[in-house]
Amino acid sequence: MKYKKIYMDVAQASALLTVCMGLIAIAGWLADLWILHSFRQDYIPMAPSTAALFIILGISLFISTRWSSQHFVTAVSRVLAAVVGIFALLMLIKFFIGADFGIEKIIAGEAGTLRGFPTGRMSPVTASAFLLSGLSQLFLLCIPKAPKSGRYLVVVMAAGVLCIGLAVLTSYFFEAPLLYKGSVIPVALPTAIAFVLLGSGLCASVMPYLSLSIYDTDDLLRTMPVMHGRYLPASVIAIAGALISGTMYAITNKNMSFEAAIVVLFGGLLFTMLLALYLLTTERYSKALRESLTEREKLIAELRQRHIEFSILYHVSSAISREAQLDKLLSDVLNTISELEIFKIDIGGIFVVEGDRMRLAAQLGHSETFIEIHKDLKVGECLCGLVAKTGEVVISQNADKDERHTIRYPEMIQHGHLIVPLKSKDRVEGVLDLYMPVDIKLDEDKVKLMTTIGNQLGIAIERKKNEAEREKLIAELQDALARIKTLKGFVPICSYCKKIRNDKNYWEHLETYITERSEAEFTHSICPDCAAKVKAEIAKMEKDKPKEP
């Protein structure tokens, strides 16, 4: 909390001043100087036991706020606060049931009298304030393990101590001190000042542990229901005003009886109860407000992440949709991915699967050695080949320590891998390989985003392959059609030898002419008519052949 140091400084200063008030009062008793323990000769002095409790509680508050992280100091502070609380409880028991334990007699000796009141003895009002102070300090030391309601209880008790001190101090300010006309020992003026200091220190020490800061109150009140946001604070202010007005009326009319003091104290108690109710309900609305703000921040962060993802997909889709050759398209996509801040890629490559081999179609930042080694890989070889074979994303934290990384060379730098299959209809068309920093942790959203990009690239590769095959088929058909067209029209052929005159005015055999201009091939044999003629000619030739002598 940014204001924690200020609160702690106020608490420590208040604690030291409280200790000083106790030491001054004890010095006044030892030196018999009324100006030190009562400030006026006709006012009740601070009792030695009261001064001792202020010193003890002030030390407890100071060391607990100064060295709060040390367990020994915390333990000592708890013991001191418990001593104050027990002593104050014994003083209240003495007042209500008359059981005198003789503790004050041991500390201050025999009591004197001033205006009919015993001197050197603690007032029951003072004991009540010390009981609240001791409990408040004990609760304060347990705050790290206490629920939030316990923290506000400390505020309520500290506010009660502060109210008692302020009420008594106000009566002295108007020279009409409370209880001086009753039978109960009044609260001394130095005691009232010390309680104001102590109560302020206790309130300041608990402020850093409250989840609701006073600087958030304006925003919080605007979100509260009307009953809580308007009427309850108005009730607290009204009670405070009535309490102050009643006190001032009693003082100005010199009504300084015990009954008047009781009215003031009960009014203060009502005020602190309403204040506690306000704080507790405010905490509930504060918690709801924080949860709502947290949920909204999560939603905004998620929307921002989705916007980034859609933007990335848009840029990749734009690169894919360009009319370009496959290798140029893949190079453009790789450059687009490298420019995205979400990845910050400097080195990467894209392989295209061609049968059982992988061709390095695009690369970014790789050395000549890498390009030479990886220009033609076998599917299943190294990490990229493994992805092409399995169709699963591979993340390698450190390639040097990854046994699957089988291809190594002297110039290889330390790196991690994010390797994504480029799929189309569950068939791997290629592999996207991105170099990552060593030991990088990739969240699930980034992996899903790259998988989506991989699927887009897979579809683009398949489309480009289909386009290339279609263009090849069209070219073959066009070539065949061109050859067939050359055999149409008039063909000049010799009526006797059956040779054909070509475009260059040369006579070619029929077989040669047709073979060069079509896919037809000739095989030679003799038809039955020609065979009969040939046989007749051969027989005649044999008959006409002269006989040897």
Protein backbone atom coordinates (compact mmCIF):
# COMPACT_ATOMS: atom_id res chain seq x y z
CA MET A 1 0.00 0.00 0.00
CA LYS A 2 1.50 3.33 -1.06
CA TYR A 3 0.43 5.14 2.13
CA LYS A 4 1.61 2.41 4.51
CA LYS A 5 4.82 4.24 5.45
CA ILE A 6 2.89 7.39 6.36
CA TYR A 7 0.51 5.41 8.59
CA MET A 8 3.39 3.60 10.26
CA ASP A 9 5.25 6.87 10.88
CA VAL A 10 2.14 8.37 12.50
CA ALA A 11 1.66 5.27 14.67
CA GLN A 12 5.29 5.27 15.84
CA ALA A 13 5.26 9.00 16.58
CA SER A 14 2.02 8.64 18.57
CA ALA A 15 3.49 5.69 20.50
CA LEU A 16 6.64 7.62 21.40
CA LEU A 17 4.62 10.66 22.52
CA THR A 18 2.44 8.37 24.66
CA VAL A 19 5.56 6.93 26.31
CA CYS A 20 6.80 10.48 26.89
CA MET A 21 3.51 11.44 28.59
CA GLY A 22 3.90 8.48 30.96
CA LEU A 23 7.54 9.28 31.73
CA ILE A 24 6.73 12.95 32.40
CA ALA A 25 3.97 11.95 34.84
CA ILE A 26 6.26 9.56 36.71
CA ALA A 27 8.95 12.26 36.82
CA GLY A 28 6.36 14.62 38.33
CA TRP A 29 5.52 12.09 41.04
CA LEU A 30 9.16 11.46 41.82
CA ALA A 31 10.01 15.16 41.88
CA ASP A 32 6.69 16.16 43.46
CA LEU A 33 5.99 18.65 40.66
CA TRP A 34 2.28 18.98 40.00
CA ILE A 35 2.87 20.74 36.67
CA LEU A 36 4.26 17.47 35.28
CA HIS A 37 1.52 15.04 36.36
CA SER A 38 -1.61 17.26 36.42
CA PHE A 39 -0.69 20.56 34.58
CA ARG A 40 -2.77 22.48 37.15
CA GLN A 41 -2.64 22.27 40.88
CA ASP A 42 -6.41 21.95 41.26
CA TYR A 43 -6.71 19.14 38.66
CA ILE A 44 -6.54 15.43 39.38
CA PRO A 45 -3.03 14.11 38.56
CA MET A 46 -2.26 11.15 36.35
CA ALA A 47 -1.90 8.10 38.60
CA PRO A 48 1.52 6.34 38.63
CA SER A 49 -0.18 3.11 37.55
CA THR A 50 -1.77 4.97 34.64
CA ALA A 51 1.61 6.42 33.64
CA ALA A 52 3.18 2.95 33.79
CA LEU A 53 0.49 1.46 31.55
CA PHE A 54 0.96 4.27 29.03
CA ILE A 55 4.69 3.51 28.92
CA ILE A 56 4.10 -0.23 28.51
CA LEU A 57 1.41 0.13 25.83
CA GLY A 58 3.35 2.83 23.98
CA ILE A 59 6.43 0.59 23.84
CA SER A 60 4.26 -2.31 22.64
CA LEU A 61 2.77 -0.20 19.83
CA PHE A 62 6.12 1.25 18.78
CA ILE A 63 8.09 -2.00 18.54
CA SER A 64 5.18 -3.82 16.82
CA THR A 65 5.03 -1.21 14.05
CA ARG A 66 8.79 -0.66 13.84
CA TRP A 67 9.90 -4.31 13.70
CA SER A 68 6.69 -6.09 12.67
CA SER A 69 8.50 -8.85 10.75
CA GLN A 70 10.48 -10.11 13.77
CA HIS A 71 8.69 -12.86 15.69
CA PHE A 72 10.44 -12.16 19.00
CA VAL A 73 9.43 -8.50 18.92
CA THR A 74 5.85 -9.47 18.11
CA ALA A 75 5.78 -11.90 21.04
CA VAL A 76 7.11 -9.26 23.45
CA SER A 77 4.56 -6.75 22.16
CA ARG A 78 1.74 -9.22 22.77
CA VAL A 79 2.89 -9.85 26.34
CA LEU A 80 3.01 -6.11 27.06
CA ALA A 81 -0.48 -5.56 25.60
CA ALA A 82 -1.81 -8.50 27.62
CA VAL A 83 -0.32 -7.04 30.85
CA VAL A 84 -2.12 -3.74 30.19
CA GLY A 85 -5.42 -5.49 29.45
CA ILE A 86 -5.22 -7.67 32.59
CA PHE A 87 -4.30 -4.74 34.84
CA ALA A 88 -7.18 -2.65 33.44
CA LEU A 89 -9.57 -5.57 33.98
CA LEU A 90 -8.48 -5.87 37.63
CA MET A 91 -9.11 -2.14 38.12
CA LEU A 92 -12.63 -2.48 36.72
CA ILE A 93 -13.32 -5.46 38.99
CA LYS A 94 -12.15 -3.36 41.93
CA PHE A 95 -14.52 -0.55 40.96
CA PHE A 96 -17.62 -2.70 40.38
CA ILE A 97 -17.33 -5.29 43.19
CA GLY A 98 -15.00 -3.47 45.58
CA ALA A 99 -12.22 -6.11 45.56
CA ASP A 100 -8.96 -4.22 46.24
CA PHE A 101 -5.95 -6.20 45.11
CA GLY A 102 -3.51 -3.67 46.58
CA ILE A 103 -1.59 -3.25 43.34
CA GLU A 104 -1.84 0.53 43.21
CA LYS A 105 -0.83 0.78 46.86
CA ILE A 106 2.32 -1.09 46.03
CA ILE A 107 3.04 1.21 43.07
CA ALA A 108 2.05 4.64 44.51
CA GLY A 109 1.84 4.11 48.28
CA GLU A 110 -0.92 5.63 50.35
CA ALA A 111 -3.40 7.75 48.44
CA GLY A 112 -3.75 11.48 49.05
CA THR A 113 -6.87 13.52 48.38
CA LEU A 114 -7.71 16.39 46.08
CA ARG A 115 -11.17 17.94 45.96
CA GLY A 116 -12.48 14.88 47.77
CA PHE A 117 -11.00 12.36 45.32
CA PRO A 118 -8.14 9.97 46.12
CA THR A 119 -4.95 10.81 44.20
CA GLY A 120 -2.60 8.25 42.77
CA ARG A 121 -5.49 5.92 41.90
CA MET A 122 -6.76 5.02 38.43
CA SER A 123 -10.20 6.18 37.30
CA PRO A 124 -12.62 3.42 36.13
CA VAL A 125 -13.08 5.40 32.90
CA THR A 126 -9.30 5.24 32.42
CA ALA A 127 -9.37 1.50 33.12
CA SER A 128 -12.09 1.04 30.50
CA ALA A 129 -10.01 2.94 27.93
CA PHE A 130 -6.94 0.84 28.81
CA LEU A 131 -8.95 -2.37 28.40
CA LEU A 132 -10.02 -1.24 24.90
CA SER A 133 -6.44 -0.20 24.09
CA GLY A 134 -4.94 -3.51 25.24
CA LEU A 135 -7.47 -5.56 23.30
CA SER A 136 -7.03 -3.34 20.26
CA GLN A 137 -3.25 -3.88 20.35
CA LEU A 138 -3.65 -7.64 20.77
CA PHE A 139 -6.07 -7.81 17.85
CA LEU A 140 -3.71 -5.63 15.81
CA LEU A 141 -0.85 -8.08 16.34
CA CYS A 142 -3.06 -10.93 15.08
CA ILE A 143 -4.28 -9.06 11.98
CA PRO A 144 -2.24 -10.97 9.36
CA LYS A 145 -4.15 -14.12 10.37
CA ALA A 146 -7.43 -12.44 11.30
CA PRO A 147 -10.53 -12.06 9.11
CA LYS A 148 -11.47 -8.64 7.80
CA SER A 149 -14.16 -8.24 10.44
CA GLY A 150 -11.41 -8.51 13.09
CA ARG A 151 -9.53 -5.69 11.45
CA TYR A 152 -12.52 -3.39 11.69
CA LEU A 153 -13.00 -4.40 15.31
CA VAL A 154 -9.55 -2.93 15.96
CA VAL A 155 -10.72 0.29 14.30
CA VAL A 156 -13.84 0.37 16.49
CA MET A 157 -11.88 -0.18 19.73
CA ALA A 158 -9.22 2.35 18.75
CA ALA A 159 -11.95 4.85 17.84
CA GLY A 160 -13.52 4.24 21.26
CA VAL A 161 -10.22 5.08 22.99
CA LEU A 162 -9.89 8.18 20.86
CA CYS A 163 -13.48 9.26 21.63
CA ILE A 164 -12.95 8.90 25.37
CA GLY A 165 -9.77 10.96 25.20
CA LEU A 166 -11.39 13.64 23.06
CA ALA A 167 -14.50 13.89 25.25
CA VAL A 168 -12.47 14.35 28.43
CA LEU A 169 -9.99 16.69 26.74
CA THR A 170 -12.85 18.84 25.41
CA SER A 171 -14.31 19.20 28.89
CA TYR A 172 -10.92 20.35 30.22
CA PHE A 173 -10.64 22.78 27.32
CA PHE A 174 -13.85 24.48 28.44
CA GLU A 175 -12.65 24.34 32.07
CA ALA A 176 -15.54 22.09 32.98
CA PRO A 177 -13.89 18.68 33.50
CA LEU A 178 -16.22 15.70 33.65
CA LEU A 179 -16.90 13.73 36.89
CA TYR A 180 -15.48 16.41 39.22
CA LYS A 181 -18.91 16.74 40.92
CA GLY A 182 -19.52 13.01 41.27
CA SER A 183 -18.09 10.25 43.39
CA VAL A 184 -16.09 8.52 40.63
CA ILE A 185 -12.42 9.43 40.22
CA PRO A 186 -12.19 11.81 37.23
CA VAL A 187 -9.85 11.30 34.30
CA ALA A 188 -6.74 13.50 34.54
CA LEU A 189 -5.92 16.04 31.83
CA PRO A 190 -2.53 14.41 30.96
CA THR A 191 -4.38 11.07 30.79
CA ALA A 192 -6.88 12.47 28.27
CA ILE A 193 -4.06 13.82 26.10
CA ALA A 194 -2.24 10.49 26.25
CA PHE A 195 -5.40 8.59 25.24
CA VAL A 196 -5.86 10.89 22.23
CA LEU A 197 -2.28 10.12 21.17
CA LEU A 198 -2.65 6.39 21.85
CA GLY A 199 -5.99 6.13 20.06
CA SER A 200 -4.56 7.98 17.03
CA GLY A 201 -1.59 5.61 16.93
CA LEU A 202 -3.79 2.51 17.09
CA CYS A 203 -6.03 3.81 14.29
CA ALA A 204 -3.02 4.65 12.12
CA SER A 205 -1.40 1.25 12.70
CA VAL A 206 -4.45 -0.66 11.47
CA MET A 207 -5.09 1.45 8.36
CA PRO A 208 -2.54 -0.33 6.08
CA TYR A 209 -4.37 -3.64 6.66
CA LEU A 210 -7.79 -2.36 5.59
CA SER A 211 -8.72 -3.36 2.06
CA LEU A 212 -10.84 -0.22 1.64
CA SER A 213 -8.82 2.98 1.29
CA ILE A 214 -10.32 6.36 2.01
CA TYR A 215 -9.22 7.34 -1.46
CA ASP A 216 -11.62 4.77 -2.94
CA THR A 217 -14.65 5.97 -0.96
CA ASP A 218 -16.01 8.35 -3.59
CA ASP A 219 -16.06 5.68 -6.32
CA LEU A 220 -17.46 3.16 -3.88
CA LEU A 221 -20.37 5.28 -2.64
CA ARG A 222 -21.58 5.79 -6.19
CA THR A 223 -22.04 2.03 -6.54
CA MET A 224 -23.84 1.46 -3.23
CA PRO A 225 -27.58 1.12 -2.68
CA VAL A 226 -29.38 4.24 -1.53
CA MET A 227 -29.96 2.93 2.03
CA HIS A 228 -26.31 2.20 2.62
CA GLY A 229 -24.80 4.94 0.50
CA ARG A 230 -26.87 7.82 1.98
CA TYR A 231 -28.89 7.08 5.09
CA LEU A 232 -26.37 5.09 7.11
CA PRO A 233 -23.59 7.70 6.76
CA ALA A 234 -26.16 10.37 7.59
CA SER A 235 -27.09 8.41 10.73
CA VAL A 236 -23.46 8.23 11.82
CA ILE A 237 -23.05 11.97 11.29
CA ALA A 238 -26.31 12.71 13.16
CA ILE A 239 -25.28 10.63 16.18
CA ALA A 240 -21.86 12.29 16.20
CA GLY A 241 -23.50 15.70 16.07
CA ALA A 242 -25.94 14.84 18.87
CA LEU A 243 -23.08 13.45 20.95
CA ILE A 244 -20.99 16.59 20.52
CA SER A 245 -24.00 18.85 21.18
CA GLY A 246 -24.93 16.95 24.35
CA THR A 247 -21.39 17.07 25.61
CA MET A 248 -21.08 20.78 24.95
CA TYR A 249 -24.45 21.42 26.66
CA ALA A 250 -23.38 19.48 29.72
CA ILE A 251 -20.07 21.34 29.86
CA THR A 252 -21.49 24.83 29.39
CA ASN A 253 -24.16 24.16 32.05
CA LYS A 254 -21.55 22.78 34.46
CA ASN A 255 -23.35 19.45 34.52
CA MET A 256 -20.31 17.38 35.42
CA SER A 257 -21.96 14.52 37.25
CA PHE A 258 -21.31 10.80 36.80
CA GLU A 259 -24.64 10.48 34.97
CA ALA A 260 -23.54 13.06 32.41
CA ALA A 261 -20.32 11.14 31.84
CA ILE A 262 -22.28 7.90 31.38
CA VAL A 263 -24.49 9.61 28.77
CA VAL A 264 -21.38 10.78 26.92
CA LEU A 265 -19.80 7.32 27.06
CA PHE A 266 -22.95 5.54 25.87
CA GLY A 267 -23.30 8.07 23.09
CA GLY A 268 -19.74 7.36 22.07
CA LEU A 269 -20.45 3.62 22.16
CA LEU A 270 -23.48 4.06 19.89
CA PHE A 271 -21.39 6.14 17.55
CA THR A 272 -18.65 3.51 17.35
CA MET A 273 -21.23 0.74 16.79
CA LEU A 274 -22.77 2.63 13.87
CA LEU A 275 -19.30 3.35 12.57
CA ALA A 276 -18.46 -0.36 12.77
CA LEU A 277 -21.69 -1.26 10.94
CA TYR A 278 -20.85 1.24 8.23
CA LEU A 279 -17.31 -0.05 7.84
CA LEU A 280 -18.37 -3.70 7.71
CA THR A 281 -21.12 -3.11 5.13
CA THR A 282 -18.79 -0.87 3.17
CA GLU A 283 -16.29 -3.72 3.10
CA ARG A 284 -18.95 -6.01 1.67
CA TYR A 285 -19.77 -3.59 -1.14
CA SER A 286 -16.07 -2.92 -1.64
CA LYS A 287 -15.43 -6.63 -2.11
CA ALA A 288 -18.30 -6.90 -4.60
CA LEU A 289 -16.99 -3.86 -6.47
CA ARG A 290 -13.46 -5.27 -6.63
CA GLU A 291 -14.76 -8.61 -7.89
CA SER A 292 -16.78 -6.82 -10.55
CA LEU A 293 -13.77 -4.75 -11.59
CA THR A 294 -11.58 -7.85 -11.66
CA GLU A 295 -14.09 -9.67 -13.84
CA ARG A 296 -14.27 -6.69 -16.16
CA GLU A 297 -10.48 -6.50 -16.40
CA LYS A 298 -10.35 -10.21 -17.24
CA LEU A 299 -12.99 -9.70 -19.93
CA ILE A 300 -11.13 -6.72 -21.37
CA ALA A 301 -7.88 -8.70 -21.39
CA GLU A 302 -9.62 -11.61 -23.13
CA LEU A 303 -11.16 -9.29 -25.73
CA ARG A 304 -7.78 -7.64 -26.30
CA GLN A 305 -6.21 -11.08 -26.79
CA ARG A 306 -8.93 -12.09 -29.25
CA HIS A 307 -8.41 -8.82 -31.14
CA ILE A 308 -4.69 -9.57 -31.45
CA GLU A 309 -5.42 -13.10 -32.64
CA PHE A 310 -7.93 -11.94 -35.26
CA SER A 311 -5.49 -9.28 -36.42
CA ILE A 312 -2.76 -11.90 -36.84
CA LEU A 313 -5.08 -14.23 -38.72
CA TYR A 314 -6.14 -11.34 -40.96
CA HIS A 315 -2.53 -10.50 -41.87
CA VAL A 316 -1.69 -14.15 -42.52
CA SER A 317 -4.86 -14.63 -44.60
CA SER A 318 -3.99 -11.53 -46.61
CA ALA A 319 -0.55 -12.93 -47.37
CA ILE A 320 -2.03 -16.32 -48.33
CA SER A 321 -4.63 -14.80 -50.65
CA ARG A 322 -2.02 -13.07 -52.82
CA GLU A 323 -1.58 -14.43 -56.33
CA ALA A 324 1.96 -15.80 -56.23
CA GLN A 325 3.97 -18.94 -56.75
CA LEU A 326 3.95 -21.37 -53.82
CA ASP A 327 7.50 -20.60 -52.61
CA LYS A 328 6.90 -16.84 -52.86
CA LEU A 329 3.61 -17.17 -50.98
CA LEU A 330 5.22 -19.17 -48.17
CA SER A 331 8.09 -16.67 -47.92
CA ASP A 332 5.60 -13.79 -47.59
CA VAL A 333 3.68 -15.63 -44.85
CA LEU A 334 6.91 -16.38 -42.95
CA ASN A 335 7.91 -12.71 -43.07
CA THR A 336 4.42 -11.73 -41.86
CA ILE A 337 4.68 -14.09 -38.88
CA SER A 338 8.15 -12.76 -38.00
CA GLU A 339 6.82 -9.19 -37.84
CA LEU A 340 4.15 -10.04 -35.25
CA GLU A 341 5.09 -8.78 -31.77
CA ILE A 342 3.34 -11.70 -30.10
CA PHE A 343 6.11 -14.04 -31.38
CA LYS A 344 9.12 -11.87 -32.30
CA ILE A 345 10.63 -14.51 -34.60
CA ASP A 346 14.05 -13.96 -36.23
CA ILE A 347 14.71 -17.46 -37.62
CA GLY A 348 12.27 -19.90 -39.18
CA GLY A 349 11.43 -22.03 -42.16
CA ILE A 350 8.59 -23.75 -44.04
CA PHE A 351 8.93 -27.22 -45.52
CA VAL A 352 6.60 -28.64 -48.19
CA VAL A 353 5.93 -32.38 -48.13
CA GLU A 354 6.44 -34.02 -51.53
CA GLY A 355 5.90 -37.75 -51.27
CA ASP A 356 8.30 -39.13 -48.65
CA ARG A 357 10.58 -36.08 -48.89
CA MET A 358 10.41 -32.53 -47.52
CA ARG A 359 11.57 -29.52 -49.49
CA LEU A 360 12.68 -26.29 -47.79
CA ALA A 361 10.38 -23.88 -49.65
CA ALA A 362 10.93 -20.74 -47.53
CA GLN A 363 13.41 -19.71 -44.85
CA LEU A 364 14.25 -16.69 -42.72
CA GLY A 365 17.60 -15.99 -41.07
CA HIS A 366 19.13 -19.44 -41.59
CA SER A 367 22.79 -19.97 -42.48
CA GLU A 368 24.00 -21.42 -45.75
CA THR A 369 24.99 -24.60 -43.92
CA PHE A 370 21.48 -25.07 -42.60
CA ILE A 371 19.95 -24.48 -46.03
CA GLU A 372 22.30 -27.00 -47.64
CA ILE A 373 21.60 -29.67 -45.01
CA HIS A 374 17.83 -29.15 -44.88
CA LYS A 375 16.98 -28.46 -48.51
CA ASP A 376 15.81 -32.03 -48.94
CA LEU A 377 14.76 -33.98 -45.83
CA LYS A 378 13.16 -37.33 -45.41
CA VAL A 379 9.75 -37.47 -43.66
CA GLY A 380 10.40 -38.67 -40.08
CA GLU A 381 13.91 -37.21 -39.93
CA CYS A 382 14.75 -34.80 -37.10
CA LEU A 383 12.03 -32.73 -35.38
CA CYS A 384 10.50 -31.29 -38.56
CA GLY A 385 10.28 -34.71 -40.14
CA LEU A 386 8.69 -36.06 -36.96
CA VAL A 387 5.96 -33.42 -37.16
CA ALA A 388 5.38 -34.24 -40.85
CA LYS A 389 5.06 -37.92 -39.95
CA THR A 390 2.82 -37.62 -36.85
CA GLY A 391 0.88 -34.45 -37.67
CA GLU A 392 1.31 -33.24 -34.07
CA VAL A 393 2.73 -29.95 -32.76
CA VAL A 394 6.22 -30.28 -31.26
CA ILE A 395 7.64 -27.83 -28.69
CA SER A 396 11.32 -28.27 -27.84
CA GLN A 397 12.72 -26.24 -24.94
CA ASN A 398 16.35 -26.78 -25.96
CA ALA A 399 17.43 -28.39 -29.23
CA ASP A 400 20.89 -29.27 -27.83
CA LYS A 401 19.34 -31.44 -25.14
CA ASP A 402 16.50 -32.87 -27.22
CA GLU A 403 17.31 -36.40 -28.40
CA ARG A 404 14.73 -36.09 -31.18
CA HIS A 405 16.83 -33.33 -32.76
CA THR A 406 19.05 -35.70 -34.79
CA ILE A 407 20.53 -33.20 -37.28
CA ARG A 408 23.39 -31.22 -35.74
CA TYR A 409 26.19 -29.16 -37.25
CA PRO A 410 29.02 -26.97 -35.84
CA GLU A 411 27.37 -23.63 -36.58
CA MET A 412 24.09 -24.55 -34.85
CA ILE A 413 23.08 -21.97 -32.24
CA GLN A 414 21.24 -22.72 -29.01
CA HIS A 415 17.52 -22.50 -29.59
CA GLY A 416 14.11 -23.89 -28.85
CA HIS A 417 11.51 -25.00 -31.36
CA LEU A 418 7.86 -24.47 -32.12
CA ILE A 419 7.06 -26.77 -35.03
CA VAL A 420 3.52 -26.80 -36.41
CA PRO A 421 2.09 -29.19 -39.03
CA LEU A 422 0.46 -27.55 -42.05
CA LYS A 423 -2.65 -29.66 -42.54
CA SER A 424 -5.47 -29.85 -45.02
CA LYS A 425 -8.22 -32.41 -44.46
CA ASP A 426 -6.07 -34.23 -41.85
CA ARG A 427 -3.27 -34.64 -44.39
CA VAL A 428 0.09 -32.97 -43.65
CA GLU A 429 1.04 -30.72 -46.57
CA GLY A 430 4.03 -29.08 -44.91
CA VAL A 431 5.75 -28.01 -41.67
CA LEU A 432 6.25 -24.56 -40.12
CA ASP A 433 9.42 -24.39 -38.01
CA LEU A 434 10.02 -21.36 -35.75
CA TYR A 435 13.14 -20.86 -33.64
CA MET A 436 12.31 -19.86 -30.05
CA PRO A 437 14.47 -18.71 -27.10
CA VAL A 438 15.83 -21.53 -24.95
CA ASP A 439 13.46 -22.72 -22.17
CA ILE A 440 10.60 -20.54 -23.42
CA LYS A 441 7.16 -21.23 -21.98
CA LEU A 442 4.41 -21.05 -24.60
CA ASP A 443 0.87 -20.66 -23.37
CA GLU A 444 -1.98 -22.68 -24.81
CA ASP A 445 -3.52 -19.72 -26.65
CA LYS A 446 -0.37 -19.10 -28.71
CA VAL A 447 -0.09 -22.77 -29.64
CA LYS A 448 -3.76 -22.82 -30.71
CA LEU A 449 -3.21 -19.66 -32.77
CA MET A 450 -0.22 -21.18 -34.58
CA THR A 451 -2.21 -24.37 -35.18
CA THR A 452 -4.94 -22.30 -36.84
CA ILE A 453 -2.33 -20.52 -38.98
CA GLY A 454 -0.86 -23.93 -39.84
CA ASN A 455 -4.24 -25.17 -41.04
CA GLN A 456 -4.64 -22.09 -43.23
CA LEU A 457 -1.21 -22.66 -44.73
CA GLY A 458 -1.97 -26.34 -45.28
CA ILE A 459 -5.09 -25.45 -47.26
CA ALA A 460 -3.10 -22.86 -49.25
CA ILE A 461 -0.36 -25.39 -50.07
CA GLU A 462 -2.93 -27.96 -51.20
CA ARG A 463 -4.64 -25.32 -53.34
CA LYS A 464 -1.36 -24.31 -54.96
CA LYS A 465 -0.46 -27.96 -55.61
CA ASN A 466 -3.86 -28.55 -57.20
CA GLU A 467 -3.43 -25.44 -59.31
CA ALA A 468 -0.01 -26.63 -60.48
CA GLU A 469 -1.37 -30.09 -61.37
CA ARG A 470 -4.30 -28.54 -63.20
CA GLU A 471 -2.04 -26.24 -65.18
CA LYS A 472 0.21 -29.19 -66.10
CA LEU A 473 -2.77 -31.22 -67.27
CA ILE A 474 -4.09 -28.31 -69.30
CA ALA A 475 -0.70 -27.88 -70.97
CA GLU A 476 -0.56 -31.58 -71.88
CA LEU A 477 -4.07 -31.47 -73.29
CA GLN A 478 -3.31 -28.36 -75.25
CA ASP A 479 -0.17 -29.96 -76.67
CA ALA A 480 -2.09 -33.11 -77.66
CA LEU A 481 -4.83 -31.00 -79.20
CA ALA A 482 -2.23 -29.03 -81.17
CA ARG A 483 -0.78 -32.24 -82.56
CA ILE A 484 -4.18 -33.57 -83.53
CA LYS A 485 -5.03 -30.40 -85.45
CA THR A 486 -2.06 -30.83 -87.79
CA LEU A 487 -3.68 -33.96 -89.32
CA LYS A 488 -6.83 -32.15 -90.34
CA GLY A 489 -7.45 -30.65 -93.76
CA PHE A 490 -6.01 -31.78 -97.16
CA VAL A 491 -3.03 -34.11 -97.00
CA PRO A 492 -1.02 -34.34 -100.27
CA ILE A 493 -0.27 -38.04 -100.81
CA CYS A 494 1.28 -39.87 -103.78
CA SER A 495 -1.28 -42.08 -105.44
CA TYR A 496 1.34 -44.62 -106.30
CA CYS A 497 3.90 -44.87 -103.44
CA LYS A 498 1.67 -43.28 -100.82
CA LYS A 499 4.32 -40.79 -99.61
CA ILE A 500 3.07 -37.51 -98.13
CA ARG A 501 4.42 -34.06 -98.88
CA ASN A 502 5.13 -32.05 -95.70
CA ASP A 503 5.10 -28.30 -95.10
CA LYS A 504 8.70 -28.04 -96.33
CA ASN A 505 7.78 -29.65 -99.64
CA TYR A 506 9.62 -32.86 -98.82
CA TRP A 507 8.05 -36.26 -99.39
CA GLU A 508 7.87 -38.45 -96.29
CA HIS A 509 6.74 -41.98 -95.79
CA LEU A 510 3.21 -42.22 -94.47
CA GLU A 511 4.36 -43.79 -91.21
CA THR A 512 6.92 -41.04 -90.53
CA TYR A 513 4.46 -38.23 -91.24
CA ILE A 514 1.73 -39.54 -88.93
CA THR A 515 4.11 -40.56 -86.13
CA GLU A 516 5.64 -37.05 -85.91
CA ARG A 517 2.24 -35.39 -85.76
CA SER A 518 0.33 -37.68 -83.40
CA GLU A 519 0.75 -40.19 -80.64
CA ALA A 520 0.23 -43.07 -83.10
CA GLU A 521 2.91 -45.72 -83.65
CA PHE A 522 3.09 -48.22 -86.53
CA THR A 523 3.66 -51.97 -86.57
CA HIS A 524 4.21 -53.76 -89.90
CA SER A 525 2.54 -56.92 -91.17
CA ILE A 526 0.98 -58.25 -94.50
CA CYS A 527 -2.72 -58.33 -95.19
CA PRO A 528 -4.23 -61.53 -96.77
CA ASP A 529 -4.64 -60.03 -100.27
CA CYS A 530 -1.05 -58.81 -100.36
CA ALA A 531 0.13 -62.09 -98.91
CA ALA A 532 -1.56 -64.00 -101.78
CA LYS A 533 0.05 -61.69 -104.33
CA VAL A 534 3.44 -62.02 -102.71
CA LYS A 535 3.17 -65.79 -102.70
CA ALA A 536 2.18 -65.83 -106.38
CA GLU A 537 5.09 -63.58 -107.27
CA ILE A 538 7.51 -65.71 -105.29
CA ALA A 539 6.21 -68.87 -106.95
CA LYS A 540 6.56 -67.30 -110.38
CA MET A 541 10.05 -66.16 -109.55
CA GLU A 542 10.98 -69.66 -108.46
CA LYS A 543 9.48 -71.09 -111.67
CA ASP A 544 11.23 -68.62 -113.94
CA LYS A 545 14.51 -69.08 -112.21
CA PRO A 546 16.93 -70.97 -114.54
CA LYS A 547 17.89 -74.41 -113.41
CA GLU A 548 21.56 -75.15 -112.67
CA PRO A 549 23.23 -77.77 -114.83
